[in-house]
């Protein structure tokens, strides 16, 4: 069962890009910090938030929406 933080991050990303693509991107970024959806926690997000934001931003063409997404990810990492 995915952690609450992973679920929140996935739903946040899914509001901006296709949810299947979000799962793929998050899976690659979780591997960077040796996390899984089940054990993903705040320390993992802090370690890879810039990578997650950058990877997701590639699929959000609107600059304002990219900035909103980045801000939401940053807020989750606090």
C-alpha atoms as a PDB file:
ATOM      1  CA  UNK A   1       0.000   0.000   0.000  1.00  0.00           C
ATOM      2  CA  UNK A   2       1.501   3.358  -1.032  1.00  0.00           C
ATOM      3  CA  UNK A   3       2.452   5.801   1.682  1.00  0.00           C
ATOM      4  CA  UNK A   4       0.173   8.807   2.210  1.00  0.00           C
ATOM      5  CA  UNK A   5       2.924  11.152   0.985  1.00  0.00           C
ATOM      6  CA  UNK A   6       3.409   9.143  -2.209  1.00  0.00           C
ATOM      7  CA  UNK A   7      -0.353   9.107  -2.810  1.00  0.00           C
ATOM      8  CA  UNK A   8      -0.550  12.867  -2.298  1.00  0.00           C
ATOM      9  CA  UNK A   9       2.406  13.467  -4.590  1.00  0.00           C
ATOM     10  CA  UNK A  10       0.900  11.229  -7.249  1.00  0.00           C
ATOM     11  CA  UNK A  11      -2.473  12.956  -7.104  1.00  0.00           C
ATOM     12  CA  UNK A  12      -0.759  16.350  -7.230  1.00  0.00           C
ATOM     13  CA  UNK A  13       1.231  15.360 -10.310  1.00  0.00           C
ATOM     14  CA  UNK A  14      -1.833  13.680 -11.838  1.00  0.00           C
ATOM     15  CA  UNK A  15      -3.648  17.010 -11.793  1.00  0.00           C
ATOM     16  CA  UNK A  16      -1.096  18.351 -14.283  1.00  0.00           C
ATOM     17  CA  UNK A  17      -0.089  15.353 -16.401  1.00  0.00           C
ATOM     18  CA  UNK A  18      -1.429  11.943 -17.329  1.00  0.00           C
ATOM     19  CA  UNK A  19      -1.479   9.779 -14.214  1.00  0.00           C
ATOM     20  CA  UNK A  20       0.254   6.846 -15.939  1.00  0.00           C
ATOM     21  CA  UNK A  21       3.112   9.158 -16.938  1.00  0.00           C
ATOM     22  CA  UNK A  22       3.227  10.523 -13.375  1.00  0.00           C
ATOM     23  CA  UNK A  23       3.579   6.984 -11.983  1.00  0.00           C
ATOM     24  CA  UNK A  24       6.419   6.320 -14.424  1.00  0.00           C
ATOM     25  CA  UNK A  25       8.245   9.537 -13.563  1.00  0.00           C
ATOM     26  CA  UNK A  26       7.840   9.082  -9.829  1.00  0.00           C
ATOM     27  CA  UNK A  27       9.030   5.489 -10.067  1.00  0.00           C
ATOM     28  CA  UNK A  28      12.263   6.569 -11.733  1.00  0.00           C
ATOM     29  CA  UNK A  29      12.839   9.339  -9.207  1.00  0.00           C
ATOM     30  CA  UNK A  30      12.099   7.118  -6.212  1.00  0.00           C
ATOM     31  CA  UNK A  31      14.835   4.791  -7.415  1.00  0.00           C
ATOM     32  CA  UNK A  32      17.293   7.703  -7.008  1.00  0.00           C
ATOM     33  CA  UNK A  33      16.728   7.711  -3.254  1.00  0.00           C
ATOM     34  CA  UNK A  34      16.204   3.959  -2.805  1.00  0.00           C
ATOM     35  CA  UNK A  35      12.534   4.407  -1.943  1.00  0.00           C
ATOM     36  CA  UNK A  36       9.409   2.559  -2.953  1.00  0.00           C
ATOM     37  CA  UNK A  37       5.850   3.882  -3.080  1.00  0.00           C
ATOM     38  CA  UNK A  38       5.216   1.972   0.155  1.00  0.00           C
ATOM     39  CA  UNK A  39       8.041   3.510   2.198  1.00  0.00           C
ATOM     40  CA  UNK A  40       8.282   6.943   0.541  1.00  0.00           C
ATOM     41  CA  UNK A  41       8.563   9.560   3.257  1.00  0.00           C
ATOM     42  CA  UNK A  42       9.486  13.203   3.840  1.00  0.00           C
ATOM     43  CA  UNK A  43      13.232  12.506   3.889  1.00  0.00           C
ATOM     44  CA  UNK A  44      12.977  10.879   0.464  1.00  0.00           C
ATOM     45  CA  UNK A  45      10.986  13.766  -0.969  1.00  0.00           C
ATOM     46  CA  UNK A  46      13.510  16.288   0.332  1.00  0.00           C
ATOM     47  CA  UNK A  47      16.281  14.310  -1.366  1.00  0.00           C
ATOM     48  CA  UNK A  48      14.644  14.186  -4.798  1.00  0.00           C
ATOM     49  CA  UNK A  49      12.174  17.079  -4.934  1.00  0.00           C
ATOM     50  CA  UNK A  50      14.226  18.988  -7.514  1.00  0.00           C
ATOM     51  CA  UNK A  51      14.528  15.905  -9.707  1.00  0.00           C
ATOM     52  CA  UNK A  52      10.800  15.204  -9.425  1.00  0.00           C
ATOM     53  CA  UNK A  53       9.883  18.808 -10.202  1.00  0.00           C
ATOM     54  CA  UNK A  54      12.226  18.913 -13.180  1.00  0.00           C
ATOM     55  CA  UNK A  55      11.060  15.622 -14.632  1.00  0.00           C
ATOM     56  CA  UNK A  56       7.381  16.471 -14.249  1.00  0.00           C
ATOM     57  CA  UNK A  57       7.911  19.965 -15.676  1.00  0.00           C
ATOM     58  CA  UNK A  58       9.030  18.458 -18.973  1.00  0.00           C
ATOM     59  CA  UNK A  59       5.428  17.391 -19.541  1.00  0.00           C
ATOM     60  CA  UNK A  60       3.715  20.632 -18.464  1.00  0.00           C
ATOM     61  CA  UNK A  61       4.003  23.119 -21.340  1.00  0.00           C
ATOM     62  CA  UNK A  62       2.353  26.057 -19.557  1.00  0.00           C
ATOM     63  CA  UNK A  63       4.875  28.044 -17.509  1.00  0.00           C
ATOM     64  CA  UNK A  64       2.360  29.153 -14.881  1.00  0.00           C
ATOM     65  CA  UNK A  65       1.169  25.576 -14.341  1.00  0.00           C
ATOM     66  CA  UNK A  66       4.786  24.366 -14.090  1.00  0.00           C
ATOM     67  CA  UNK A  67       5.431  26.946 -11.403  1.00  0.00           C
ATOM     68  CA  UNK A  68       2.262  25.929  -9.558  1.00  0.00           C
ATOM     69  CA  UNK A  69       3.261  22.269  -9.670  1.00  0.00           C
ATOM     70  CA  UNK A  70       6.767  23.056  -8.431  1.00  0.00           C
ATOM     71  CA  UNK A  71       5.341  25.141  -5.586  1.00  0.00           C
ATOM     72  CA  UNK A  72       3.009  22.325  -4.554  1.00  0.00           C
ATOM     73  CA  UNK A  73       5.855  19.818  -4.516  1.00  0.00           C
ATOM     74  CA  UNK A  74       7.958  22.245  -2.502  1.00  0.00           C
ATOM     75  CA  UNK A  75       5.108  22.638  -0.003  1.00  0.00           C
ATOM     76  CA  UNK A  76       4.838  18.856   0.359  1.00  0.00           C
ATOM     77  CA  UNK A  77       8.562  18.701   1.140  1.00  0.00           C
ATOM     78  CA  UNK A  78       8.234  21.092   4.098  1.00  0.00           C
END
